[in-house]
Amino acid sequence: MSWDALLRMASLCVLLACAETLHGIARTTLVVPRLGKGRAIKLSALTGTLLAFCICWLRVPGIGLQTAGEHLALGLGLAAFMAVFDMAIGRWVMRKSWAKLWPDFDPRTGNYLLFGLLGLCVIPLLVWLSHRA
């Protein structure tokens, strides 16, 4: 894998992190007051996944990956990066304790972040398959 491809992957991580951060701010300020926190969190799992798909639709083909395995590896890397990014924001920016962070990843608590991360695992593969057709 070339340095250029690695740089493009890193820029995709940063772009997704920025977009999801703005998405979270919009959810908190615009959607929560209208729908309530529970519904807003559920809706944002869907809209966040769609946002990630759109960004990947535009950026993944330019990375230059050639196989399904490479695209799955990219998806796993993106999901891992976003999970760590989410924990870092929660821990060091929002000052949440570790005990308050873990429920964000647990669907039993009404949070669907885990499903969004699982979706992100396969989005690059779906984009690649769609562009091949």
C-alpha atoms as a PDB file:
ATOM      1  CA  MET A   1       0.000   0.000   0.000  1.00  0.00           C
ATOM      2  CA  SER A   2       1.362   3.382  -0.964  1.00  0.00           C
ATOM      3  CA  TRP A   3       1.941   6.363   1.286  1.00  0.00           C
ATOM      4  CA  ASP A   4      -0.524   8.271  -0.864  1.00  0.00           C
ATOM      5  CA  ALA A   5      -3.269   5.735  -0.088  1.00  0.00           C
ATOM      6  CA  LEU A   6      -2.454   5.879   3.641  1.00  0.00           C
ATOM      7  CA  LEU A   7      -2.621   9.669   3.565  1.00  0.00           C
ATOM      8  CA  ARG A   8      -5.982   9.511   1.785  1.00  0.00           C
ATOM      9  CA  MET A   9      -7.270   7.062   4.408  1.00  0.00           C
ATOM     10  CA  ALA A  10      -6.094   9.327   7.216  1.00  0.00           C
ATOM     11  CA  SER A  11      -7.778  12.319   5.583  1.00  0.00           C
ATOM     12  CA  LEU A  12     -10.987  10.292   5.290  1.00  0.00           C
ATOM     13  CA  CYS A  13     -10.799   9.564   9.031  1.00  0.00           C
ATOM     14  CA  VAL A  14     -10.390  13.264   9.813  1.00  0.00           C
ATOM     15  CA  LEU A  15     -13.188  14.237   7.409  1.00  0.00           C
ATOM     16  CA  LEU A  16     -15.572  11.705   8.954  1.00  0.00           C
ATOM     17  CA  ALA A  17     -14.648  12.843  12.463  1.00  0.00           C
ATOM     18  CA  CYS A  18     -15.314  16.492  11.577  1.00  0.00           C
ATOM     19  CA  ALA A  19     -18.602  15.680   9.867  1.00  0.00           C
ATOM     20  CA  GLU A  20     -19.799  13.497  12.739  1.00  0.00           C
ATOM     21  CA  THR A  21     -18.819  16.137  15.288  1.00  0.00           C
ATOM     22  CA  LEU A  22     -20.885  18.752  13.447  1.00  0.00           C
ATOM     23  CA  HIS A  23     -23.665  16.180  13.100  1.00  0.00           C
ATOM     24  CA  GLY A  24     -23.630  15.650  16.881  1.00  0.00           C
ATOM     25  CA  ILE A  25     -23.718  19.373  17.559  1.00  0.00           C
ATOM     26  CA  ALA A  26     -26.660  19.773  15.156  1.00  0.00           C
ATOM     27  CA  ARG A  27     -28.468  16.878  16.843  1.00  0.00           C
ATOM     28  CA  THR A  28     -27.989  18.401  20.285  1.00  0.00           C
ATOM     29  CA  THR A  29     -28.991  21.942  19.358  1.00  0.00           C
ATOM     30  CA  LEU A  30     -31.656  21.360  16.698  1.00  0.00           C
ATOM     31  CA  VAL A  31     -33.166  17.901  17.054  1.00  0.00           C
ATOM     32  CA  VAL A  32     -33.139  17.142  20.794  1.00  0.00           C
ATOM     33  CA  PRO A  33     -35.338  20.155  21.683  1.00  0.00           C
ATOM     34  CA  ARG A  34     -37.932  19.046  19.106  1.00  0.00           C
ATOM     35  CA  LEU A  35     -37.910  15.247  19.412  1.00  0.00           C
ATOM     36  CA  GLY A  36     -36.364  14.580  22.808  1.00  0.00           C
ATOM     37  CA  LYS A  37     -33.036  12.957  23.552  1.00  0.00           C
ATOM     38  CA  GLY A  38     -34.091   9.324  23.009  1.00  0.00           C
ATOM     39  CA  ARG A  39     -35.614   9.843  19.588  1.00  0.00           C
ATOM     40  CA  ALA A  40     -32.835  12.202  18.526  1.00  0.00           C
ATOM     41  CA  ILE A  41     -30.179   9.606  19.378  1.00  0.00           C
ATOM     42  CA  LYS A  42     -31.999   6.925  17.398  1.00  0.00           C
ATOM     43  CA  LEU A  43     -32.518   9.218  14.422  1.00  0.00           C
ATOM     44  CA  SER A  44     -28.905  10.382  14.496  1.00  0.00           C
ATOM     45  CA  ALA A  45     -27.642   6.798  14.217  1.00  0.00           C
ATOM     46  CA  LEU A  46     -29.427   6.593  10.877  1.00  0.00           C
ATOM     47  CA  THR A  47     -28.534  10.068   9.632  1.00  0.00           C
ATOM     48  CA  GLY A  48     -24.928   9.685  10.809  1.00  0.00           C
ATOM     49  CA  THR A  49     -24.604   6.424   8.886  1.00  0.00           C
ATOM     50  CA  LEU A  50     -26.075   8.073   5.787  1.00  0.00           C
ATOM     51  CA  LEU A  51     -23.662  10.978   6.196  1.00  0.00           C
ATOM     52  CA  ALA A  52     -20.729   8.552   6.448  1.00  0.00           C
ATOM     53  CA  PHE A  53     -21.975   6.712   3.357  1.00  0.00           C
ATOM     54  CA  CYS A  54     -22.144   9.951   1.355  1.00  0.00           C
ATOM     55  CA  ILE A  55     -18.650  10.991   2.403  1.00  0.00           C
ATOM     56  CA  CYS A  56     -17.294   7.525   1.599  1.00  0.00           C
ATOM     57  CA  TRP A  57     -19.117   7.568  -1.749  1.00  0.00           C
ATOM     58  CA  LEU A  58     -17.113  10.637  -2.683  1.00  0.00           C
ATOM     59  CA  ARG A  59     -13.759   9.742  -1.106  1.00  0.00           C
ATOM     60  CA  VAL A  60     -13.271   5.957  -1.114  1.00  0.00           C
ATOM     61  CA  PRO A  61     -12.858   5.489  -4.895  1.00  0.00           C
ATOM     62  CA  GLY A  62      -9.987   7.976  -4.912  1.00  0.00           C
ATOM     63  CA  ILE A  63      -7.999   5.975  -2.363  1.00  0.00           C
ATOM     64  CA  GLY A  64      -7.170   3.365  -4.969  1.00  0.00           C
ATOM     65  CA  LEU A  65      -7.924   0.143  -3.111  1.00  0.00           C
ATOM     66  CA  GLN A  66      -8.416  -2.849  -5.383  1.00  0.00           C
ATOM     67  CA  THR A  67      -9.966  -5.745  -3.450  1.00  0.00           C
ATOM     68  CA  ALA A  68     -12.923  -6.472  -1.225  1.00  0.00           C
ATOM     69  CA  GLY A  69     -10.550  -7.328   1.602  1.00  0.00           C
ATOM     70  CA  GLU A  70      -8.821  -3.974   1.350  1.00  0.00           C
ATOM     71  CA  HIS A  71     -12.178  -2.198   1.496  1.00  0.00           C
ATOM     72  CA  LEU A  72     -13.281  -4.246   4.506  1.00  0.00           C
ATOM     73  CA  ALA A  73      -9.981  -3.433   6.222  1.00  0.00           C
ATOM     74  CA  LEU A  74     -10.586   0.251   5.490  1.00  0.00           C
ATOM     75  CA  GLY A  75     -14.061  -0.014   7.000  1.00  0.00           C
ATOM     76  CA  LEU A  76     -12.732  -1.700  10.135  1.00  0.00           C
ATOM     77  CA  GLY A  77     -10.069   0.988  10.426  1.00  0.00           C
ATOM     78  CA  LEU A  78     -12.635   3.765  10.011  1.00  0.00           C
ATOM     79  CA  ALA A  79     -14.914   2.211  12.627  1.00  0.00           C
ATOM     80  CA  ALA A  80     -12.031   1.777  15.079  1.00  0.00           C
ATOM     81  CA  PHE A  81     -10.874   5.353  14.508  1.00  0.00           C
ATOM     82  CA  MET A  82     -14.393   6.719  15.015  1.00  0.00           C
ATOM     83  CA  ALA A  83     -14.927   4.661  18.183  1.00  0.00           C
ATOM     84  CA  VAL A  84     -11.662   5.949  19.664  1.00  0.00           C
ATOM     85  CA  PHE A  85     -12.474   9.483  18.502  1.00  0.00           C
ATOM     86  CA  ASP A  86     -15.924   9.304  20.120  1.00  0.00           C
ATOM     87  CA  MET A  87     -14.430   8.069  23.394  1.00  0.00           C
ATOM     88  CA  ALA A  88     -11.741  10.775  23.321  1.00  0.00           C
ATOM     89  CA  ILE A  89     -14.305  13.533  22.765  1.00  0.00           C
ATOM     90  CA  GLY A  90     -16.539  12.144  25.485  1.00  0.00           C
ATOM     91  CA  ARG A  91     -13.723  11.688  27.964  1.00  0.00           C
ATOM     92  CA  TRP A  92     -11.564  14.756  27.461  1.00  0.00           C
ATOM     93  CA  VAL A  93     -13.867  17.358  25.915  1.00  0.00           C
ATOM     94  CA  MET A  94     -17.205  16.505  27.535  1.00  0.00           C
ATOM     95  CA  ARG A  95     -15.503  15.284  30.730  1.00  0.00           C
ATOM     96  CA  LYS A  96     -17.561  12.070  30.964  1.00  0.00           C
ATOM     97  CA  SER A  97     -16.374   9.274  33.188  1.00  0.00           C
ATOM     98  CA  TRP A  98     -15.561   5.899  31.625  1.00  0.00           C
ATOM     99  CA  ALA A  99     -18.690   4.518  33.285  1.00  0.00           C
ATOM    100  CA  LYS A 100     -20.809   7.075  31.430  1.00  0.00           C
ATOM    101  CA  LEU A 101     -19.043   6.501  28.101  1.00  0.00           C
ATOM    102  CA  TRP A 102     -19.679   2.762  27.736  1.00  0.00           C
ATOM    103  CA  PRO A 103     -23.510   3.059  27.607  1.00  0.00           C
ATOM    104  CA  ASP A 104     -23.105   5.165  24.431  1.00  0.00           C
ATOM    105  CA  PHE A 105     -22.050   1.928  22.707  1.00  0.00           C
ATOM    106  CA  ASP A 106     -24.766  -0.271  24.263  1.00  0.00           C
ATOM    107  CA  PRO A 107     -28.025  -0.587  22.278  1.00  0.00           C
ATOM    108  CA  ARG A 108     -29.786  -1.845  25.430  1.00  0.00           C
ATOM    109  CA  THR A 109     -29.485   1.685  26.837  1.00  0.00           C
ATOM    110  CA  GLY A 110     -31.193   3.201  23.784  1.00  0.00           C
ATOM    111  CA  ASN A 111     -27.969   4.269  22.095  1.00  0.00           C
ATOM    112  CA  TYR A 112     -27.331   2.941  18.610  1.00  0.00           C
ATOM    113  CA  LEU A 113     -23.765   4.133  18.104  1.00  0.00           C
ATOM    114  CA  LEU A 114     -22.606   0.511  17.909  1.00  0.00           C
ATOM    115  CA  PHE A 115     -24.878  -0.087  14.916  1.00  0.00           C
ATOM    116  CA  GLY A 116     -23.477   2.983  13.185  1.00  0.00           C
ATOM    117  CA  LEU A 117     -19.946   1.693  13.755  1.00  0.00           C
ATOM    118  CA  LEU A 118     -20.901  -1.733  12.396  1.00  0.00           C
ATOM    119  CA  GLY A 119     -22.368  -0.005   9.344  1.00  0.00           C
ATOM    120  CA  LEU A 120     -19.159   1.923   8.885  1.00  0.00           C
ATOM    121  CA  CYS A 121     -17.284  -1.392   8.758  1.00  0.00           C
ATOM    122  CA  VAL A 122     -19.019  -2.320   5.491  1.00  0.00           C
ATOM    123  CA  ILE A 123     -19.674   1.074   3.897  1.00  0.00           C
ATOM    124  CA  PRO A 124     -16.359   1.207   1.964  1.00  0.00           C
ATOM    125  CA  LEU A 125     -17.060  -2.277   0.565  1.00  0.00           C
ATOM    126  CA  LEU A 126     -20.599  -1.272  -0.459  1.00  0.00           C
ATOM    127  CA  VAL A 127     -19.253   1.872  -2.126  1.00  0.00           C
ATOM    128  CA  TRP A 128     -16.627  -0.158  -4.004  1.00  0.00           C
ATOM    129  CA  LEU A 129     -19.202  -2.719  -5.131  1.00  0.00           C
ATOM    130  CA  SER A 130     -21.560   0.053  -6.252  1.00  0.00           C
ATOM    131  CA  HIS A 131     -18.881   1.791  -8.302  1.00  0.00           C
ATOM    132  CA  ARG A 132     -17.833  -1.489  -9.921  1.00  0.00           C
ATOM    133  CA  ALA A 133     -21.339  -2.195 -11.196  1.00  0.00           C
END
